[in-house]
Amino acid sequence: MVHELKVLPEYYDAIESGKKTFEIRKHDRDYKVGDILELREWDGKEYTGALITKEVIYILTDGSGYVLTGYVVMSIE
């Protein structure tokens, strides 16, 4: 499944440079390992046109005891 997500410029830059290899999101979608994240840069008012595509390779859910209830941590590459 493909998920289109907004990303603020400071986080977009960190993903693009390879420093940020995870996404923390509300668990309001059915995220699964193998899903594709289309991360679109959003400046707070509009999309900038920049896009990075990443694959979810690991998921840590709120049921683990390590993530806030209602959130998910996804490792991406």
N, C-alpha and C. Protein backbone atom coordinates (compact mmCIF):
# COMPACT_ATOMS: atom_id res chain seq x y z
N MET A 1 0.85 -1.18 0.00
CA MET A 1 0.00 0.00 0.00
C MET A 1 0.90 1.24 0.00
N VAL A 2 0.45 2.28 -0.65
CA VAL A 2 1.16 3.54 -0.71
C VAL A 2 0.45 4.56 0.18
N HIS A 3 1.23 5.23 1.03
CA HIS A 3 0.70 6.27 1.92
C HIS A 3 1.35 7.60 1.55
N GLU A 4 0.55 8.58 1.18
CA GLU A 4 1.06 9.92 0.88
C GLU A 4 1.01 10.74 2.16
N LEU A 5 2.18 11.25 2.58
CA LEU A 5 2.29 11.95 3.85
C LEU A 5 2.98 13.30 3.69
N LYS A 6 2.55 14.28 4.48
CA LYS A 6 3.20 15.59 4.53
C LYS A 6 4.41 15.52 5.46
N VAL A 7 5.48 16.22 5.09
CA VAL A 7 6.69 16.29 5.91
C VAL A 7 7.19 17.73 5.90
N LEU A 8 7.42 18.29 7.08
CA LEU A 8 7.96 19.64 7.18
C LEU A 8 9.39 19.69 6.66
N PRO A 9 9.84 20.84 6.15
CA PRO A 9 11.16 20.94 5.52
C PRO A 9 12.33 20.43 6.36
N GLU A 10 12.36 20.73 7.67
CA GLU A 10 13.50 20.28 8.48
C GLU A 10 13.57 18.76 8.56
N TYR A 11 12.43 18.08 8.57
CA TYR A 11 12.41 16.63 8.61
C TYR A 11 12.67 16.06 7.22
N TYR A 12 12.14 16.72 6.20
CA TYR A 12 12.38 16.30 4.82
C TYR A 12 13.87 16.31 4.53
N ASP A 13 14.54 17.38 4.91
CA ASP A 13 15.99 17.50 4.67
C ASP A 13 16.76 16.40 5.39
N ALA A 14 16.35 16.07 6.62
CA ALA A 14 17.03 15.01 7.38
C ALA A 14 16.82 13.64 6.73
N ILE A 15 15.63 13.40 6.18
CA ILE A 15 15.36 12.14 5.47
C ILE A 15 16.19 12.10 4.20
N GLU A 16 16.18 13.19 3.46
CA GLU A 16 16.91 13.26 2.19
C GLU A 16 18.40 13.03 2.38
N SER A 17 18.96 13.55 3.46
CA SER A 17 20.40 13.40 3.72
C SER A 17 20.75 12.02 4.27
N GLY A 18 19.75 11.26 4.70
CA GLY A 18 19.99 9.94 5.26
C GLY A 18 20.16 9.92 6.77
N LYS A 19 20.07 11.08 7.41
CA LYS A 19 20.21 11.16 8.87
C LYS A 19 18.98 10.64 9.60
N LYS A 20 17.81 10.84 9.02
CA LYS A 20 16.56 10.40 9.64
C LYS A 20 16.06 9.17 8.88
N THR A 21 16.05 8.04 9.57
CA THR A 21 15.68 6.77 8.93
C THR A 21 14.41 6.17 9.55
N PHE A 22 13.58 7.03 10.11
CA PHE A 22 12.35 6.57 10.75
C PHE A 22 11.27 7.63 10.60
N GLU A 23 10.05 7.20 10.78
CA GLU A 23 8.90 8.10 10.83
C GLU A 23 8.05 7.73 12.03
N ILE A 24 7.62 8.71 12.80
CA ILE A 24 6.69 8.52 13.89
C ILE A 24 5.38 9.17 13.47
N ARG A 25 4.32 8.37 13.48
CA ARG A 25 3.04 8.86 12.99
C ARG A 25 1.91 8.37 13.88
N LYS A 26 0.77 9.08 13.80
CA LYS A 26 -0.44 8.56 14.42
C LYS A 26 -0.77 7.24 13.72
N HIS A 27 -1.22 6.29 14.50
CA HIS A 27 -1.55 4.98 13.94
C HIS A 27 -2.99 4.99 13.44
N ASP A 28 -3.26 5.92 12.51
CA ASP A 28 -4.61 6.10 11.97
C ASP A 28 -4.76 5.47 10.58
N ARG A 29 -3.73 4.76 10.16
CA ARG A 29 -3.76 4.04 8.89
C ARG A 29 -3.28 2.62 9.17
N ASP A 30 -3.48 1.75 8.26
CA ASP A 30 -3.08 0.36 8.45
C ASP A 30 -1.66 0.16 7.93
N TYR A 31 -0.68 0.79 8.60
CA TYR A 31 0.71 0.68 8.17
C TYR A 31 1.20 -0.74 8.34
N LYS A 32 1.98 -1.23 7.34
CA LYS A 32 2.55 -2.56 7.38
C LYS A 32 3.96 -2.54 6.80
N VAL A 33 4.79 -3.49 7.22
CA VAL A 33 6.11 -3.66 6.61
C VAL A 33 5.89 -3.91 5.12
N GLY A 34 6.69 -3.25 4.30
CA GLY A 34 6.56 -3.36 2.85
C GLY A 34 5.78 -2.22 2.23
N ASP A 35 5.04 -1.46 3.04
CA ASP A 35 4.31 -0.30 2.52
C ASP A 35 5.30 0.75 2.01
N ILE A 36 4.82 1.57 1.11
CA ILE A 36 5.61 2.67 0.55
C ILE A 36 5.09 3.98 1.13
N LEU A 37 6.01 4.81 1.60
CA LEU A 37 5.65 6.15 2.07
C LEU A 37 6.10 7.16 1.02
N GLU A 38 5.16 7.90 0.47
CA GLU A 38 5.46 9.02 -0.41
C GLU A 38 5.50 10.25 0.48
N LEU A 39 6.68 10.70 0.81
CA LEU A 39 6.88 11.81 1.74
C LEU A 39 7.02 13.10 0.94
N ARG A 40 6.00 13.94 1.04
CA ARG A 40 5.95 15.19 0.27
C ARG A 40 6.25 16.36 1.19
N GLU A 41 7.22 17.16 0.79
CA GLU A 41 7.60 18.31 1.60
C GLU A 41 6.45 19.32 1.64
N TRP A 42 6.12 19.76 2.86
CA TRP A 42 5.01 20.68 3.12
C TRP A 42 5.54 21.81 3.97
N ASP A 43 5.42 23.05 3.50
CA ASP A 43 6.00 24.19 4.22
C ASP A 43 5.04 24.79 5.26
N GLY A 44 3.93 24.12 5.51
CA GLY A 44 2.95 24.61 6.46
C GLY A 44 1.75 25.26 5.78
N LYS A 45 1.91 25.61 4.50
CA LYS A 45 0.83 26.21 3.73
C LYS A 45 0.55 25.46 2.43
N GLU A 46 1.63 24.92 1.83
CA GLU A 46 1.48 24.22 0.55
C GLU A 46 2.63 23.24 0.33
N TYR A 47 2.42 22.34 -0.62
CA TYR A 47 3.49 21.42 -1.01
C TYR A 47 4.55 22.18 -1.79
N THR A 48 5.81 21.84 -1.57
CA THR A 48 6.90 22.51 -2.28
C THR A 48 7.20 21.85 -3.62
N GLY A 49 6.71 20.62 -3.82
CA GLY A 49 7.00 19.86 -5.03
C GLY A 49 8.05 18.78 -4.81
N ALA A 50 8.75 18.84 -3.68
CA ALA A 50 9.77 17.84 -3.37
C ALA A 50 9.11 16.55 -2.86
N LEU A 51 9.64 15.41 -3.30
CA LEU A 51 9.07 14.11 -2.94
C LEU A 51 10.18 13.10 -2.73
N ILE A 52 10.07 12.32 -1.65
CA ILE A 52 10.96 11.19 -1.40
C ILE A 52 10.07 9.97 -1.20
N THR A 53 10.44 8.87 -1.79
CA THR A 53 9.71 7.62 -1.62
C THR A 53 10.57 6.67 -0.79
N LYS A 54 9.98 6.12 0.28
CA LYS A 54 10.69 5.20 1.18
C LYS A 54 9.82 3.98 1.44
N GLU A 55 10.48 2.85 1.73
CA GLU A 55 9.78 1.62 2.08
C GLU A 55 9.84 1.41 3.59
N VAL A 56 8.74 0.96 4.16
CA VAL A 56 8.70 0.62 5.59
C VAL A 56 9.34 -0.76 5.75
N ILE A 57 10.42 -0.83 6.57
CA ILE A 57 11.11 -2.11 6.75
C ILE A 57 10.93 -2.69 8.15
N TYR A 58 10.41 -1.89 9.08
CA TYR A 58 10.16 -2.36 10.45
C TYR A 58 9.14 -1.43 11.09
N ILE A 59 8.29 -2.00 11.93
CA ILE A 59 7.27 -1.20 12.62
C ILE A 59 7.29 -1.53 14.10
N LEU A 60 7.25 -0.49 14.93
CA LEU A 60 7.10 -0.63 16.37
C LEU A 60 5.79 0.04 16.73
N THR A 61 4.85 -0.72 17.29
CA THR A 61 3.51 -0.18 17.55
C THR A 61 3.32 0.15 19.03
N ASP A 62 2.20 0.79 19.30
CA ASP A 62 1.89 1.17 20.68
C ASP A 62 1.66 -0.05 21.57
N GLY A 63 1.40 -1.20 21.01
CA GLY A 63 1.24 -2.41 21.80
C GLY A 63 2.55 -2.94 22.37
N SER A 64 3.67 -2.37 21.93
CA SER A 64 4.99 -2.83 22.36
C SER A 64 5.34 -2.37 23.77
N GLY A 65 4.68 -1.32 24.23
CA GLY A 65 5.02 -0.74 25.52
C GLY A 65 6.09 0.34 25.43
N TYR A 66 6.61 0.58 24.23
CA TYR A 66 7.66 1.58 24.03
C TYR A 66 7.20 2.80 23.24
N VAL A 67 5.99 2.76 22.72
CA VAL A 67 5.46 3.83 21.88
C VAL A 67 4.17 4.34 22.50
N LEU A 68 3.96 5.65 22.46
CA LEU A 68 2.72 6.23 23.00
C LEU A 68 1.49 5.61 22.34
N THR A 69 0.46 5.44 23.10
CA THR A 69 -0.78 4.88 22.59
C THR A 69 -1.27 5.72 21.41
N GLY A 70 -1.62 5.02 20.34
CA GLY A 70 -2.14 5.69 19.15
C GLY A 70 -1.08 6.10 18.15
N TYR A 71 0.19 5.75 18.40
CA TYR A 71 1.28 6.11 17.50
C TYR A 71 2.04 4.87 17.04
N VAL A 72 2.83 5.04 16.00
CA VAL A 72 3.64 3.97 15.43
C VAL A 72 4.99 4.57 15.01
N VAL A 73 6.04 3.79 15.20
CA VAL A 73 7.38 4.17 14.73
C VAL A 73 7.71 3.24 13.57
N MET A 74 8.07 3.82 12.43
CA MET A 74 8.41 3.02 11.25
C MET A 74 9.85 3.27 10.84
N SER A 75 10.60 2.20 10.68
CA SER A 75 11.94 2.30 10.14
C SER A 75 11.78 2.30 8.62
N ILE A 76 12.49 3.24 7.95
CA ILE A 76 12.33 3.39 6.50
C ILE A 76 13.68 3.36 5.80
N GLU A 77 13.66 2.87 4.54
CA GLU A 77 14.87 2.92 3.70
C GLU A 77 14.47 3.08 2.26
